[in-house]
């Protein structure tokens, strides 16, 4: 299996997108806010945007600015899935996939579970089915590299989790160098073995999803990974812990060492909710009314004061969670990370 090797600078509207990266038989996700340069980068790799530097796939050189090599898109062995799938509405599924195909279409449709839709048109398909058609068309080119632009963006929340799981399994089976871009860290973590955080065209951090959560490079990475950041002032306490006083006077405790201005990082799944503070070893308690209660599949996200907590739907029902209800959000000192501010 060939390795995709990039060392690029791509001019964008207000900054240059710069990335040096190698992608083997794996999926690497680039995650970041809108306008960070993610799609611009994919277009440059595909030969659809002008770039400077080098792009190699195995022994094939697709771009080498110094040697004045710049292969046309059709000369690059790439399968590209656009954000809105870009299917031809007047063509059947079979003819959409056959457009530019370099391998038999029928077996591919069967492999992706859409063989029975061969004669249907895109307007007759669900979001998940259209995604599989777009993937089939990309794979029909028999590419050496797969590029996915926001593969979940066009799906409704009800469909998203199921299609995400299906896509993750497919990418593992393909074992193609795959680069996907998304603004959703949950999608990136579910689909990729490594995740890079791209901000204003620059790579802030590249690591496994677990490493990004456990040891974010900065507050932005932590926030993108779903964490809540609370600003405060840290000092050593008498019990071997670090005490952080927030702006409203709340005191929190961490097992990490720090002094001076810090950001306290807490992840939603590490916050427990109750009507009263638990009588256990938990040291950190924030008392406030529930500002919002949002259900996401079998989970519920609850905003309590400055914190976001995530609990199961069953726990939310048991607690009778609703906006305006007084709650205590509790989390342990061992789950309280401290970042320089």
Foldseek 3Di string as FASTA:
>chain_A
DWKKFDFKWFDDDPAIFGDTDIFFLFEEEEAEDPPLCQVVVVCVLLLNGDIADWIDTHPDTQDHVVVPHHHHNVVAQEQEQDQQRPFDQVAFLQVSLVVQFPDDQQVLCVVLPNNVRRGPGPVVDALLVSLSSSVSSSCRNVGQEYEYEASQVVHDLVCRVVSLQSQQVVSNVVSHRYYYYHNALVSRLSRGQKYFYGGNNDTQDIGHLVCLCVPNPADVSNVSNAKFKFKFFWDADPVCWIWTAGPVRFIDTANDDDGTIKIKIAHQAQKDKDADDDPDQFDHKDKAFFQAWADRPQKIWTDGPRDIHIDGVVVCVVRVDDGGRIMIIIGHNHRIDIGHD
